[in-house]
Amino acid sequence: MTLDFATARLLKQMAEAGGTPLHESSVEEARAMFAGMADMLGPAPSMHRVEEHTLVRPDGEVLVRVLTPLERPAGVIVYYHGGGWVIGSIDESDTVGRKLAERTSCTVVLVEYRLAPEHRYPVAVDDSYAALGWAGERVEE
């Protein structure tokens, strides 16, 4: 399977930049690299409402950010940022979430699941599932 043009171009640019490949980086280096890539997404669309909620779990807390588009929402998308459960955050995914909300006319819920290696499996999966349940309970709001 071939990569789409934009992905192939990005990977080529990263290789030409001479940095350490992501899979060979330390957790800290990988997180910094991923955070830097968020700036490449351009301006974030305006939303009708942006709310943050803290879900209290038996072993910690999970932050969720609810992005409500300007148009009346047609549904809800729970968005889990990429990063293999190790890198990424809702701040780094905010622009993607806003663009998704704008283009789909859906409310988008970003989930700040807790990352490895600080939090061992299955913490991130459990956080993600809890956020899905939380969103499902509030879908009519």
N, C-alpha and C. Protein backbone atom coordinates (compact mmCIF):
# COMPACT_ATOMS: atom_id res chain seq x y z
N MET A 1 0.84 -1.17 0.00
CA MET A 1 0.00 0.00 0.00
C MET A 1 0.90 1.24 0.00
N THR A 2 0.57 2.20 -0.84
CA THR A 2 1.37 3.42 -0.91
C THR A 2 0.77 4.48 0.00
N LEU A 3 1.63 5.38 0.45
CA LEU A 3 1.19 6.49 1.29
C LEU A 3 0.58 7.58 0.42
N ASP A 4 -0.36 8.33 1.00
CA ASP A 4 -0.89 9.47 0.27
C ASP A 4 0.21 10.53 0.15
N PHE A 5 0.02 11.45 -0.77
CA PHE A 5 1.05 12.43 -1.10
C PHE A 5 1.48 13.25 0.11
N ALA A 6 0.51 13.75 0.88
CA ALA A 6 0.84 14.62 2.02
C ALA A 6 1.66 13.88 3.07
N THR A 7 1.29 12.63 3.35
CA THR A 7 2.03 11.85 4.35
C THR A 7 3.44 11.54 3.86
N ALA A 8 3.55 11.14 2.60
CA ALA A 8 4.86 10.84 2.03
C ALA A 8 5.76 12.08 2.07
N ARG A 9 5.19 13.24 1.75
CA ARG A 9 5.96 14.49 1.77
C ARG A 9 6.41 14.82 3.20
N LEU A 10 5.53 14.65 4.17
CA LEU A 10 5.88 14.92 5.56
C LEU A 10 7.00 14.01 6.03
N LEU A 11 6.90 12.73 5.75
CA LEU A 11 7.95 11.79 6.16
C LEU A 11 9.28 12.11 5.49
N LYS A 12 9.22 12.53 4.23
CA LYS A 12 10.45 12.91 3.52
C LYS A 12 11.08 14.14 4.17
N GLN A 13 10.26 15.13 4.49
CA GLN A 13 10.77 16.34 5.15
C GLN A 13 11.39 16.02 6.50
N MET A 14 10.76 15.13 7.25
CA MET A 14 11.29 14.75 8.55
C MET A 14 12.64 14.05 8.40
N ALA A 15 12.74 13.18 7.41
CA ALA A 15 14.01 12.46 7.19
C ALA A 15 15.11 13.43 6.76
N GLU A 16 14.75 14.39 5.90
CA GLU A 16 15.73 15.37 5.43
C GLU A 16 16.17 16.32 6.53
N ALA A 17 15.33 16.53 7.53
CA ALA A 17 15.67 17.43 8.64
C ALA A 17 16.78 16.85 9.50
N GLY A 18 16.98 15.53 9.40
CA GLY A 18 18.09 14.90 10.10
C GLY A 18 17.85 14.59 11.56
N GLY A 19 16.64 14.72 12.02
CA GLY A 19 16.34 14.40 13.42
C GLY A 19 16.29 12.90 13.65
N THR A 20 16.24 12.53 14.90
CA THR A 20 16.11 11.13 15.26
C THR A 20 14.73 10.64 14.85
N PRO A 21 14.62 9.50 14.18
CA PRO A 21 13.30 8.96 13.85
C PRO A 21 12.47 8.77 15.12
N LEU A 22 11.18 8.98 14.99
CA LEU A 22 10.28 8.92 16.14
C LEU A 22 10.44 7.62 16.92
N HIS A 23 10.52 6.50 16.22
CA HIS A 23 10.59 5.21 16.89
C HIS A 23 11.93 4.97 17.60
N GLU A 24 12.93 5.80 17.31
CA GLU A 24 14.22 5.69 17.97
C GLU A 24 14.42 6.78 19.03
N SER A 25 13.44 7.64 19.20
CA SER A 25 13.53 8.76 20.13
C SER A 25 13.18 8.34 21.55
N SER A 26 13.66 9.11 22.51
CA SER A 26 13.21 8.92 23.89
C SER A 26 11.76 9.41 23.97
N VAL A 27 11.08 9.08 25.04
CA VAL A 27 9.70 9.53 25.22
C VAL A 27 9.66 11.05 25.18
N GLU A 28 10.58 11.70 25.85
CA GLU A 28 10.60 13.17 25.90
C GLU A 28 10.83 13.76 24.51
N GLU A 29 11.76 13.19 23.75
CA GLU A 29 12.03 13.68 22.40
C GLU A 29 10.82 13.48 21.49
N ALA A 30 10.19 12.31 21.60
CA ALA A 30 9.02 12.02 20.77
C ALA A 30 7.88 12.97 21.09
N ARG A 31 7.68 13.24 22.37
CA ARG A 31 6.61 14.16 22.76
C ARG A 31 6.88 15.57 22.24
N ALA A 32 8.11 16.02 22.32
CA ALA A 32 8.46 17.35 21.82
C ALA A 32 8.26 17.43 20.31
N MET A 33 8.65 16.38 19.59
CA MET A 33 8.50 16.36 18.14
C MET A 33 7.02 16.39 17.77
N PHE A 34 6.21 15.60 18.44
CA PHE A 34 4.78 15.54 18.16
C PHE A 34 4.13 16.89 18.45
N ALA A 35 4.53 17.52 19.55
CA ALA A 35 3.98 18.83 19.91
C ALA A 35 4.32 19.86 18.84
N GLY A 36 5.52 19.81 18.31
CA GLY A 36 5.93 20.74 17.27
C GLY A 36 5.14 20.59 15.98
N MET A 37 4.71 19.38 15.70
CA MET A 37 3.95 19.13 14.48
C MET A 37 2.56 19.74 14.54
N ALA A 38 2.02 19.96 15.74
CA ALA A 38 0.68 20.53 15.88
C ALA A 38 0.61 21.93 15.30
N ASP A 39 1.72 22.65 15.33
CA ASP A 39 1.76 24.02 14.80
C ASP A 39 1.59 24.06 13.29
N MET A 40 1.76 22.96 12.62
CA MET A 40 1.69 22.91 11.16
C MET A 40 0.25 22.87 10.65
N LEU A 41 -0.72 22.80 11.53
CA LEU A 41 -2.11 22.60 11.12
C LEU A 41 -2.84 23.87 10.75
N GLY A 42 -2.23 25.02 10.96
CA GLY A 42 -2.88 26.27 10.60
C GLY A 42 -3.84 26.74 11.68
N PRO A 43 -4.61 27.78 11.36
CA PRO A 43 -5.50 28.35 12.37
C PRO A 43 -6.66 27.42 12.72
N ALA A 44 -7.08 27.52 13.97
CA ALA A 44 -8.20 26.71 14.45
C ALA A 44 -9.51 27.46 14.24
N PRO A 45 -10.53 26.79 13.71
CA PRO A 45 -11.82 27.45 13.53
C PRO A 45 -12.45 27.84 14.87
N SER A 46 -13.28 28.88 14.83
CA SER A 46 -14.03 29.29 16.01
C SER A 46 -15.12 28.27 16.29
N MET A 47 -15.44 28.11 17.55
CA MET A 47 -16.49 27.20 17.98
C MET A 47 -17.60 27.99 18.67
N HIS A 48 -18.79 27.44 18.69
CA HIS A 48 -19.90 28.04 19.43
C HIS A 48 -19.59 28.00 20.92
N ARG A 49 -19.03 26.86 21.35
CA ARG A 49 -18.73 26.69 22.78
C ARG A 49 -17.58 25.71 22.93
N VAL A 50 -16.71 25.98 23.90
CA VAL A 50 -15.63 25.07 24.27
C VAL A 50 -15.70 24.90 25.78
N GLU A 51 -15.85 23.65 26.21
CA GLU A 51 -15.96 23.36 27.64
C GLU A 51 -14.96 22.28 28.01
N GLU A 52 -14.44 22.38 29.23
CA GLU A 52 -13.58 21.32 29.75
C GLU A 52 -14.24 20.73 30.99
N HIS A 53 -14.15 19.42 31.10
CA HIS A 53 -14.71 18.70 32.23
C HIS A 53 -13.65 17.72 32.74
N THR A 54 -13.66 17.51 34.03
CA THR A 54 -12.75 16.54 34.63
C THR A 54 -13.55 15.34 35.08
N LEU A 55 -13.20 14.18 34.55
CA LEU A 55 -13.84 12.93 34.95
C LEU A 55 -13.02 12.34 36.09
N VAL A 56 -13.67 12.09 37.20
CA VAL A 56 -12.98 11.52 38.35
C VAL A 56 -13.06 10.01 38.25
N ARG A 57 -11.90 9.39 38.22
CA ARG A 57 -11.79 7.93 38.12
C ARG A 57 -11.29 7.41 39.47
N PRO A 58 -11.46 6.14 39.74
CA PRO A 58 -10.98 5.59 41.02
C PRO A 58 -9.49 5.81 41.26
N ASP A 59 -8.71 5.88 40.18
CA ASP A 59 -7.26 5.98 40.32
C ASP A 59 -6.68 7.27 39.73
N GLY A 60 -7.52 8.27 39.49
CA GLY A 60 -7.02 9.52 38.94
C GLY A 60 -8.11 10.29 38.22
N GLU A 61 -7.70 11.26 37.43
CA GLU A 61 -8.65 12.11 36.72
C GLU A 61 -8.34 12.12 35.22
N VAL A 62 -9.38 12.36 34.43
CA VAL A 62 -9.25 12.44 32.98
C VAL A 62 -9.93 13.73 32.52
N LEU A 63 -9.20 14.54 31.79
CA LEU A 63 -9.74 15.78 31.25
C LEU A 63 -10.36 15.51 29.89
N VAL A 64 -11.54 16.09 29.65
CA VAL A 64 -12.14 16.05 28.32
C VAL A 64 -12.45 17.49 27.91
N ARG A 65 -12.31 17.76 26.63
CA ARG A 65 -12.65 19.07 26.08
C ARG A 65 -13.76 18.86 25.05
N VAL A 66 -14.85 19.58 25.22
CA VAL A 66 -16.01 19.45 24.34
C VAL A 66 -16.04 20.66 23.41
N LEU A 67 -15.96 20.38 22.11
CA LEU A 67 -15.95 21.41 21.08
C LEU A 67 -17.29 21.39 20.35
N THR A 68 -18.09 22.43 20.54
CA THR A 68 -19.40 22.51 19.91
C THR A 68 -19.32 23.46 18.72
N PRO A 69 -19.64 22.98 17.51
CA PRO A 69 -19.50 23.82 16.31
C PRO A 69 -20.53 24.95 16.27
N LEU A 70 -20.31 25.89 15.36
CA LEU A 70 -21.22 27.03 15.21
C LEU A 70 -22.60 26.57 14.76
N GLU A 71 -22.64 25.59 13.87
CA GLU A 71 -23.93 25.05 13.42
C GLU A 71 -24.49 24.10 14.48
N ARG A 72 -25.80 23.90 14.44
CA ARG A 72 -26.42 22.97 15.38
C ARG A 72 -25.80 21.59 15.17
N PRO A 73 -25.27 20.97 16.24
CA PRO A 73 -24.58 19.68 16.08
C PRO A 73 -25.50 18.58 15.56
N ALA A 74 -24.96 17.80 14.63
CA ALA A 74 -25.68 16.68 14.05
C ALA A 74 -25.38 15.38 14.77
N GLY A 75 -24.41 15.39 15.66
CA GLY A 75 -24.02 14.18 16.37
C GLY A 75 -22.82 14.48 17.25
N VAL A 76 -22.22 13.42 17.77
CA VAL A 76 -21.06 13.54 18.65
C VAL A 76 -19.96 12.60 18.17
N ILE A 77 -18.74 13.11 18.13
CA ILE A 77 -17.56 12.30 17.81
C ILE A 77 -16.65 12.34 19.02
N VAL A 78 -16.29 11.19 19.55
CA VAL A 78 -15.29 11.12 20.62
C VAL A 78 -13.96 10.87 19.93
N TYR A 79 -13.03 11.82 20.08
CA TYR A 79 -11.76 11.79 19.34
C TYR A 79 -10.62 11.45 20.29
N TYR A 80 -9.93 10.37 19.98
CA TYR A 80 -8.74 9.95 20.74
C TYR A 80 -7.52 10.29 19.90
N HIS A 81 -6.69 11.20 20.41
CA HIS A 81 -5.51 11.60 19.65
C HIS A 81 -4.59 10.41 19.44
N GLY A 82 -3.81 10.49 18.38
CA GLY A 82 -2.83 9.45 18.09
C GLY A 82 -1.63 9.56 19.01
N GLY A 83 -0.73 8.61 18.88
CA GLY A 83 0.50 8.66 19.65
C GLY A 83 0.83 7.37 20.38
N GLY A 84 0.13 6.31 20.03
CA GLY A 84 0.47 5.00 20.61
C GLY A 84 0.35 4.94 22.11
N TRP A 85 -0.54 5.74 22.68
CA TRP A 85 -0.77 5.79 24.12
C TRP A 85 0.42 6.39 24.88
N VAL A 86 1.41 6.95 24.15
CA VAL A 86 2.64 7.46 24.78
C VAL A 86 2.82 8.96 24.56
N ILE A 87 2.44 9.47 23.40
CA ILE A 87 2.62 10.88 23.09
C ILE A 87 1.29 11.48 22.67
N GLY A 88 1.22 12.81 22.67
CA GLY A 88 0.03 13.52 22.24
C GLY A 88 -0.78 14.05 23.41
N SER A 89 -1.64 15.02 23.10
CA SER A 89 -2.48 15.63 24.13
C SER A 89 -3.68 16.28 23.45
N ILE A 90 -4.65 16.69 24.26
CA ILE A 90 -5.80 17.38 23.67
C ILE A 90 -5.41 18.77 23.19
N ASP A 91 -4.41 19.39 23.81
CA ASP A 91 -3.97 20.70 23.32
C ASP A 91 -3.38 20.57 21.92
N GLU A 92 -2.59 19.53 21.71
CA GLU A 92 -1.98 19.31 20.40
C GLU A 92 -3.00 18.87 19.36
N SER A 93 -4.14 18.35 19.81
CA SER A 93 -5.19 17.88 18.91
C SER A 93 -6.34 18.86 18.79
N ASP A 94 -6.23 20.00 19.45
CA ASP A 94 -7.34 20.95 19.49
C ASP A 94 -7.71 21.44 18.09
N THR A 95 -6.74 21.82 17.28
CA THR A 95 -7.05 22.32 15.94
C THR A 95 -7.69 21.24 15.08
N VAL A 96 -7.17 20.02 15.16
CA VAL A 96 -7.78 18.91 14.42
C VAL A 96 -9.22 18.70 14.87
N GLY A 97 -9.44 18.73 16.18
CA GLY A 97 -10.79 18.56 16.71
C GLY A 97 -11.73 19.64 16.25
N ARG A 98 -11.26 20.88 16.25
CA ARG A 98 -12.10 22.00 15.79
C ARG A 98 -12.42 21.88 14.30
N LYS A 99 -11.44 21.51 13.51
CA LYS A 99 -11.69 21.33 12.07
C LYS A 99 -12.66 20.18 11.83
N LEU A 100 -12.52 19.12 12.60
CA LEU A 100 -13.44 17.99 12.50
C LEU A 100 -14.86 18.43 12.87
N ALA A 101 -14.99 19.19 13.95
CA ALA A 101 -16.31 19.69 14.36
C ALA A 101 -16.92 20.58 13.29
N GLU A 102 -16.11 21.47 12.74
CA GLU A 102 -16.60 22.39 11.71
C GLU A 102 -17.03 21.64 10.44
N ARG A 103 -16.22 20.71 10.00
CA ARG A 103 -16.49 20.02 8.73
C ARG A 103 -17.60 18.98 8.83
N THR A 104 -17.84 18.44 10.02
CA THR A 104 -18.87 17.41 10.18
C THR A 104 -20.13 17.92 10.84
N SER A 105 -20.10 19.15 11.34
CA SER A 105 -21.20 19.71 12.13
C SER A 105 -21.54 18.81 13.31
N CYS A 106 -20.51 18.21 13.89
CA CYS A 106 -20.68 17.37 15.07
C CYS A 106 -19.92 17.97 16.25
N THR A 107 -20.45 17.76 17.44
CA THR A 107 -19.71 18.08 18.65
C THR A 107 -18.57 17.08 18.74
N VAL A 108 -17.38 17.56 19.08
CA VAL A 108 -16.21 16.70 19.21
C VAL A 108 -15.75 16.72 20.66
N VAL A 109 -15.55 15.54 21.21
CA VAL A 109 -15.04 15.39 22.57
C VAL A 109 -13.60 14.89 22.47
N LEU A 110 -12.66 15.73 22.90
CA LEU A 110 -11.24 15.35 22.94
C LEU A 110 -10.95 14.74 24.30
N VAL A 111 -10.19 13.67 24.32
CA VAL A 111 -9.92 12.94 25.56
C VAL A 111 -8.44 13.00 25.91
N GLU A 112 -8.14 13.50 27.10
CA GLU A 112 -6.76 13.56 27.59
C GLU A 112 -6.48 12.31 28.43
N TYR A 113 -6.46 11.17 27.75
CA TYR A 113 -6.17 9.93 28.48
C TYR A 113 -4.75 9.97 29.02
N ARG A 114 -4.53 9.27 30.10
CA ARG A 114 -3.20 9.27 30.73
C ARG A 114 -2.24 8.40 29.93
N LEU A 115 -1.02 8.91 29.78
CA LEU A 115 -0.03 8.32 28.89
C LEU A 115 0.93 7.36 29.58
N ALA A 116 1.38 6.39 28.80
CA ALA A 116 2.48 5.52 29.21
C ALA A 116 3.78 6.27 28.89
N PRO A 117 4.86 5.98 29.51
CA PRO A 117 5.07 4.92 30.49
C PRO A 117 4.71 5.32 31.92
N GLU A 118 4.31 6.58 32.12
CA GLU A 118 3.96 7.00 33.48
C GLU A 118 2.77 6.21 34.03
N HIS A 119 1.87 5.85 33.14
CA HIS A 119 0.67 5.10 33.53
C HIS A 119 0.64 3.81 32.72
N ARG A 120 0.66 2.72 33.41
CA ARG A 120 0.75 1.40 32.75
C ARG A 120 -0.59 0.98 32.15
N TYR A 121 -0.48 0.13 31.13
CA TYR A 121 -1.66 -0.49 30.53
C TYR A 121 -2.44 -1.20 31.64
N PRO A 122 -3.73 -1.09 31.65
CA PRO A 122 -4.68 -0.54 30.67
C PRO A 122 -5.23 0.84 31.03
N VAL A 123 -4.47 1.66 31.75
CA VAL A 123 -4.97 2.96 32.21
C VAL A 123 -5.52 3.80 31.06
N ALA A 124 -4.76 3.98 29.98
CA ALA A 124 -5.20 4.82 28.86
C ALA A 124 -6.48 4.27 28.22
N VAL A 125 -6.54 2.97 28.09
CA VAL A 125 -7.74 2.34 27.50
C VAL A 125 -8.94 2.55 28.42
N ASP A 126 -8.73 2.36 29.71
CA ASP A 126 -9.82 2.57 30.68
C ASP A 126 -10.28 4.03 30.69
N ASP A 127 -9.32 4.96 30.64
CA ASP A 127 -9.67 6.39 30.57
C ASP A 127 -10.50 6.67 29.33
N SER A 128 -10.08 6.12 28.21
CA SER A 128 -10.77 6.34 26.94
C SER A 128 -12.19 5.80 26.98
N TYR A 129 -12.34 4.62 27.55
CA TYR A 129 -13.67 4.01 27.65
C TYR A 129 -14.57 4.81 28.58
N ALA A 130 -14.00 5.30 29.68
CA ALA A 130 -14.77 6.13 30.62
C ALA A 130 -15.25 7.41 29.94
N ALA A 131 -14.40 8.01 29.11
CA ALA A 131 -14.79 9.23 28.40
C ALA A 131 -15.88 8.94 27.37
N LEU A 132 -15.81 7.80 26.73
CA LEU A 132 -16.86 7.40 25.79
C LEU A 132 -18.19 7.27 26.52
N GLY A 133 -18.18 6.60 27.66
CA GLY A 133 -19.40 6.47 28.46
C GLY A 133 -19.94 7.82 28.91
N TRP A 134 -19.03 8.69 29.35
CA TRP A 134 -19.42 10.04 29.79
C TRP A 134 -20.09 10.78 28.64
N ALA A 135 -19.49 10.73 27.46
CA ALA A 135 -20.06 11.42 26.30
C ALA A 135 -21.41 10.83 25.92
N GLY A 136 -21.52 9.51 25.97
CA GLY A 136 -22.78 8.86 25.63
C GLY A 136 -23.91 9.24 26.56
N GLU A 137 -23.59 9.45 27.82
CA GLU A 137 -24.61 9.85 28.80
C GLU A 137 -25.09 11.28 28.57
N ARG A 138 -24.30 12.09 27.87
CA ARG A 138 -24.61 13.50 27.69
C ARG A 138 -24.89 13.86 26.23
N VAL A 139 -25.13 12.90 25.40
CA VAL A 139 -25.26 13.14 23.96
C VAL A 139 -26.39 14.12 23.64
N GLU A 140 -27.41 14.17 24.44
CA GLU A 140 -28.54 15.08 24.18
C GLU A 140 -28.27 16.51 24.63
N GLU A 141 -27.25 16.70 25.45
CA GLU A 141 -26.93 18.05 25.93
C GLU A 141 -26.33 18.83 24.81
